[in-house]
Amino acid sequence: MSRLASQLTEYPALALTAQSSVTVRRFDLIYVDANTFIIVLTLSSSVARSKLVRLPVSVDQEMVQRLSSLFNSGFTGLTEDQITPLLIHSTERAADDTMGLTAVISAFVIETLTEANTPSASLSGENRLLNQPEFRDPDKAHRLMSYLSGGGYILPSGDTPAQDGEVRVLIGPENVAEELKDSSVIIASYDAGDNTRGLIGVVGPTRMDYSAVAAKLSFLAAGLSRRLGGGAAPPEGMHNKLIIKGDDPYEHR
């Protein structure tokens, strides 16, 4: 999708997808033997993750079942930020766990949720930067391309377009990273289905034609929502919502 956005706009494009607040729906702790058990997490995204745990001490099946009940009653529906040391400690005490099993299970839960909620990214058209006069300085272009190629995020945490078809513009200093301070970012959100949000963004000079690029991204995002998500129709003409942060973009043209 980033390749299509880059072709349409003639700027580097970054596509990101992320599940919306994935949590654990169910815990299954499977006793294998006195030194081994398996953690199975069923996530709200209907994905399952498992881990084989080998212990240097012996544990009985009753303890494993007790922990399974406590985690199902106390940890389901929580994000990784809500799994606090206090919650872990209280669960450990309720289970009478002196072997650190609660901490092992909690660490796997936090690791799994962090991974599930991390956006996946794809980048296309990095070399298009070199066609822009502002990025003919090799060092400047290299810094920006390295940031984007490394999966650098192009919006501040939590600062995403609120609705499908809405387009957001960040100009110069409004950008989240130092590598983007001399650039503009235009980004649109779409519904990717299965409780997943998608973002399509382009990066270019501050003199870019904001209205034209915004219209193309808005049309592309709405088309993706219609195909993958809730069925929103693409906007007609220039009737997309456009939110601009920072200076008036046309002052830079």
Protein backbone atom coordinates (compact mmCIF):
# COMPACT_ATOMS: atom_id res chain seq x y z
CA MET A 1 0.00 0.00 0.00
CA SER A 2 2.88 2.38 0.69
CA ARG A 3 4.09 1.81 -2.88
CA LEU A 4 0.75 2.91 -4.32
CA ALA A 5 0.68 6.00 -2.09
CA SER A 6 4.22 6.88 -3.18
CA GLN A 7 3.31 6.47 -6.85
CA LEU A 8 0.20 8.62 -6.49
CA THR A 9 1.92 11.45 -4.61
CA GLU A 10 5.51 11.14 -5.91
CA TYR A 11 6.80 11.35 -2.32
CA PRO A 12 8.15 8.72 0.08
CA ALA A 13 5.21 6.93 1.71
CA LEU A 14 4.88 4.96 4.94
CA ALA A 15 2.03 2.56 5.69
CA LEU A 16 1.36 1.43 9.26
CA THR A 17 -1.18 -0.96 10.73
CA ALA A 18 -1.92 -1.65 14.38
CA GLN A 19 -4.52 -3.49 16.37
CA SER A 20 -6.62 -1.24 18.60
CA SER A 21 -5.80 -1.95 22.27
CA VAL A 22 -5.23 -5.68 22.08
CA THR A 23 -5.83 -7.44 25.42
CA VAL A 24 -5.84 -11.04 26.66
CA ARG A 25 -9.23 -12.68 26.34
CA ARG A 26 -8.34 -15.97 28.05
CA PHE A 27 -5.48 -17.65 29.92
CA ASP A 28 -4.75 -21.37 29.74
CA LEU A 29 -1.94 -22.75 31.90
CA ILE A 30 -1.23 -26.35 30.98
CA TYR A 31 0.62 -28.54 33.47
CA VAL A 32 3.18 -30.84 31.80
CA ASP A 33 5.26 -32.16 34.68
CA ALA A 34 6.74 -31.03 37.99
CA ASN A 35 9.19 -28.70 36.26
CA THR A 36 7.30 -27.66 33.13
CA PHE A 37 4.08 -25.91 32.16
CA ILE A 38 2.78 -24.06 29.08
CA ILE A 39 1.25 -20.57 29.00
CA VAL A 40 -1.39 -20.09 26.28
CA LEU A 41 -2.80 -16.60 25.75
CA THR A 42 -5.86 -16.04 23.56
CA LEU A 43 -5.89 -12.37 22.56
CA SER A 44 -8.84 -10.12 21.79
CA SER A 45 -7.64 -10.14 18.17
CA SER A 46 -8.34 -13.94 18.14
CA VAL A 47 -4.59 -14.66 17.90
CA ALA A 48 -3.05 -17.21 20.28
CA ARG A 49 0.45 -16.99 21.77
CA SER A 50 2.16 -19.70 23.83
CA LYS A 51 5.32 -20.19 25.87
CA LEU A 52 6.92 -23.30 27.31
CA VAL A 53 8.21 -22.60 30.84
CA ARG A 54 10.87 -24.84 32.38
CA LEU A 55 11.41 -24.40 36.11
CA PRO A 56 14.45 -25.09 38.31
CA VAL A 57 12.05 -26.03 41.11
CA SER A 58 9.08 -28.38 41.31
CA VAL A 59 5.49 -27.12 41.02
CA ASP A 60 2.30 -29.11 41.47
CA GLN A 61 -0.72 -29.11 39.20
CA GLU A 62 -2.90 -27.45 41.83
CA MET A 63 -0.67 -24.33 41.82
CA VAL A 64 -0.82 -24.09 38.04
CA GLN A 65 -4.62 -24.35 38.09
CA ARG A 66 -4.83 -21.72 40.85
CA LEU A 67 -2.71 -19.29 38.83
CA SER A 68 -4.82 -19.95 35.74
CA SER A 69 -7.98 -18.99 37.65
CA LEU A 70 -6.41 -15.85 39.13
CA PHE A 71 -5.09 -14.62 35.80
CA ASN A 72 -8.43 -15.24 34.09
CA SER A 73 -10.25 -13.29 36.78
CA GLY A 74 -7.75 -10.45 37.20
CA PHE A 75 -5.78 -9.93 33.97
CA THR A 76 -8.24 -10.39 31.09
CA GLY A 77 -9.23 -7.22 29.25
CA LEU A 78 -6.22 -5.26 30.53
CA THR A 79 -3.69 -3.37 28.43
CA GLU A 80 0.02 -3.71 29.20
CA ASP A 81 -0.04 -0.35 31.03
CA GLN A 82 -2.73 -1.66 33.39
CA ILE A 83 -0.64 -4.64 34.46
CA THR A 84 1.05 -2.90 37.35
CA PRO A 85 3.54 -4.15 39.96
CA LEU A 86 0.76 -3.83 42.55
CA LEU A 87 -1.52 -6.13 40.53
CA ILE A 88 1.27 -8.66 40.04
CA HIS A 89 2.18 -8.61 43.71
CA SER A 90 -1.44 -9.01 44.88
CA THR A 91 -1.90 -11.96 42.50
CA GLU A 92 1.31 -13.52 43.77
CA ARG A 93 0.05 -13.25 47.35
CA ALA A 94 -3.41 -14.61 46.47
CA ALA A 95 -1.79 -17.64 44.83
CA ASP A 96 0.65 -18.09 47.71
CA ASP A 97 3.31 -18.16 44.99
CA THR A 98 6.80 -18.23 46.48
CA MET A 99 8.50 -19.48 43.30
CA GLY A 100 8.07 -16.43 41.08
CA LEU A 101 5.61 -18.07 38.68
CA THR A 102 3.31 -15.03 38.72
CA ALA A 103 6.17 -12.79 37.61
CA VAL A 104 7.09 -15.19 34.78
CA ILE A 105 3.52 -15.28 33.48
CA SER A 106 3.08 -11.50 33.83
CA ALA A 107 6.30 -10.80 31.95
CA PHE A 108 5.12 -12.97 29.05
CA VAL A 109 1.74 -11.21 29.02
CA ILE A 110 3.33 -7.74 28.91
CA GLU A 111 5.78 -8.82 26.19
CA THR A 112 2.95 -10.30 24.10
CA LEU A 113 0.67 -7.26 24.44
CA THR A 114 3.48 -4.82 23.66
CA GLU A 115 4.30 -6.74 20.49
CA ALA A 116 0.62 -7.03 19.48
CA ASN A 117 0.04 -3.28 19.87
CA THR A 118 3.21 -2.19 18.04
CA PRO A 119 2.41 -0.89 14.54
CA SER A 120 3.91 -2.76 11.61
CA ALA A 121 5.36 -0.47 8.94
CA SER A 122 6.32 -0.58 5.28
CA LEU A 123 8.15 2.17 3.40
CA SER A 124 8.32 2.90 -0.32
CA GLY A 125 9.83 5.60 -2.51
CA GLU A 126 12.66 6.74 -0.24
CA ASN A 127 14.76 7.72 -3.27
CA ARG A 128 12.09 10.19 -4.36
CA LEU A 129 13.49 12.52 -1.71
CA LEU A 130 16.58 13.01 -3.83
CA ASN A 131 14.44 14.61 -6.53
CA GLN A 132 13.56 17.46 -4.15
CA PRO A 133 15.94 20.45 -3.97
CA GLU A 134 15.62 20.56 -0.18
CA PHE A 135 17.07 17.06 0.14
CA ARG A 136 20.00 17.20 -2.28
CA ASP A 137 22.30 17.52 0.70
CA PRO A 138 23.38 13.83 1.05
CA ASP A 139 23.72 13.99 4.85
CA LYS A 140 20.26 15.52 5.30
CA ALA A 141 18.62 13.04 2.94
CA HIS A 142 20.44 10.11 4.55
CA ARG A 143 19.29 11.04 8.05
CA LEU A 144 15.66 11.24 6.99
CA MET A 145 15.73 8.05 4.90
CA SER A 146 17.48 6.14 7.71
CA TYR A 147 14.81 7.26 10.17
CA LEU A 148 11.95 6.21 7.90
CA SER A 149 13.61 2.95 6.84
CA GLY A 150 14.10 2.04 10.48
CA GLY A 151 10.34 2.20 11.06
CA GLY A 152 10.44 5.69 12.55
CA TYR A 153 6.92 6.74 13.48
CA ILE A 154 5.59 9.86 11.79
CA LEU A 155 2.97 10.94 14.34
CA PRO A 156 3.24 11.54 18.09
CA SER A 157 1.94 8.70 20.25
CA GLY A 158 -1.86 8.78 20.34
CA ASP A 159 -2.03 11.62 17.81
CA THR A 160 -3.87 9.88 14.99
CA PRO A 161 -6.67 10.96 12.67
CA ALA A 162 -9.93 10.37 14.49
CA GLN A 163 -12.06 9.24 11.54
CA ASP A 164 -11.62 7.38 8.30
CA GLY A 165 -11.03 9.84 5.46
CA GLU A 166 -9.67 12.52 7.82
CA VAL A 167 -6.26 13.82 6.77
CA ARG A 168 -3.74 15.40 9.12
CA VAL A 169 -0.82 17.64 8.19
CA LEU A 170 2.24 18.22 10.37
CA ILE A 171 4.62 20.93 9.21
CA GLY A 172 8.25 21.35 10.20
CA PRO A 173 8.64 21.75 13.99
CA GLU A 174 5.24 20.11 14.62
CA ASN A 175 6.75 16.74 13.71
CA VAL A 176 7.58 14.17 16.36
CA ALA A 177 11.21 13.47 15.41
CA GLU A 178 14.19 15.73 14.89
CA GLU A 179 14.78 14.05 11.50
CA LEU A 180 11.39 15.39 10.33
CA LYS A 181 11.77 18.99 11.54
CA ASP A 182 12.52 20.32 8.03
CA SER A 183 9.79 18.25 6.38
CA SER A 184 6.04 18.01 6.18
CA VAL A 185 4.03 14.89 6.91
CA ILE A 186 0.55 14.21 5.56
CA ILE A 187 -1.28 11.20 6.95
CA ALA A 188 -4.69 9.56 6.58
CA SER A 189 -6.40 6.84 8.60
CA TYR A 190 -8.43 3.87 7.36
CA ASP A 191 -10.28 0.87 8.76
CA ALA A 192 -8.29 -2.27 7.96
CA GLY A 193 -10.90 -4.64 9.47
CA ASP A 194 -10.52 -7.10 12.36
CA ASN A 195 -10.17 -4.28 14.89
CA THR A 196 -7.14 -2.95 13.03
CA ARG A 197 -6.42 0.67 12.12
CA GLY A 198 -4.24 1.60 9.19
CA LEU A 199 -2.33 4.82 8.51
CA ILE A 200 -0.93 6.00 5.19
CA GLY A 201 1.50 8.89 5.28
CA VAL A 202 3.83 10.75 2.95
CA VAL A 203 6.88 12.84 3.78
CA GLY A 204 8.10 15.74 1.68
CA PRO A 205 9.27 19.35 1.66
CA THR A 206 7.23 22.06 3.39
CA ARG A 207 6.42 23.60 -0.01
CA MET A 208 4.46 20.53 -1.22
CA ASP A 209 0.95 20.97 -2.61
CA TYR A 210 -0.95 20.05 0.55
CA SER A 211 -4.44 20.06 -0.94
CA ALA A 212 -3.52 17.78 -3.84
CA VAL A 213 -1.61 15.29 -1.71
CA ALA A 214 -4.31 15.31 1.00
CA ALA A 215 -7.02 14.61 -1.57
CA LYS A 216 -5.12 11.61 -2.97
CA LEU A 217 -4.44 10.13 0.46
CA SER A 218 -8.01 10.70 1.59
CA PHE A 219 -9.36 8.97 -1.50
CA LEU A 220 -6.95 6.06 -1.08
CA ALA A 221 -7.73 5.67 2.65
CA ALA A 222 -11.49 5.75 2.10
CA GLY A 223 -11.16 3.17 -0.66
CA LEU A 224 -9.22 0.89 1.67
CA SER A 225 -11.86 1.31 4.39
CA ARG A 226 -14.55 0.38 1.91
CA ARG A 227 -12.68 -2.74 0.80
CA LEU A 228 -11.22 -3.90 4.13
CA GLY A 229 -13.31 -2.37 6.88
CA GLY A 230 -16.67 -0.83 7.49
CA GLY A 231 -17.66 0.11 3.96
CA ALA A 232 -17.08 3.89 3.94
CA ALA A 233 -17.32 5.36 0.46
CA PRO A 234 -14.43 7.40 -0.96
CA PRO A 235 -14.86 11.16 -0.67
CA GLU A 236 -15.92 13.18 -3.68
CA GLY A 237 -13.50 15.76 -5.00
CA MET A 238 -11.94 17.86 -2.27
CA HIS A 239 -14.53 17.21 0.43
CA ASN A 240 -12.05 15.40 2.64
CA LYS A 241 -11.45 16.68 6.16
CA LEU A 242 -8.06 18.36 6.45
CA ILE A 243 -6.42 19.20 9.76
CA ILE A 244 -3.26 21.30 9.58
CA LYS A 245 -0.97 21.69 12.56
CA GLY A 246 1.76 24.30 12.64
CA ASP A 247 2.12 27.26 10.31
CA ASP A 248 -0.06 27.99 7.32
CA PRO A 249 1.42 25.63 4.69
CA TYR A 250 0.97 28.10 1.91
CA GLU A 251 3.41 30.45 3.58
CA HIS A 252 6.12 27.95 2.68
CA ARG A 253 5.33 27.74 -1.01
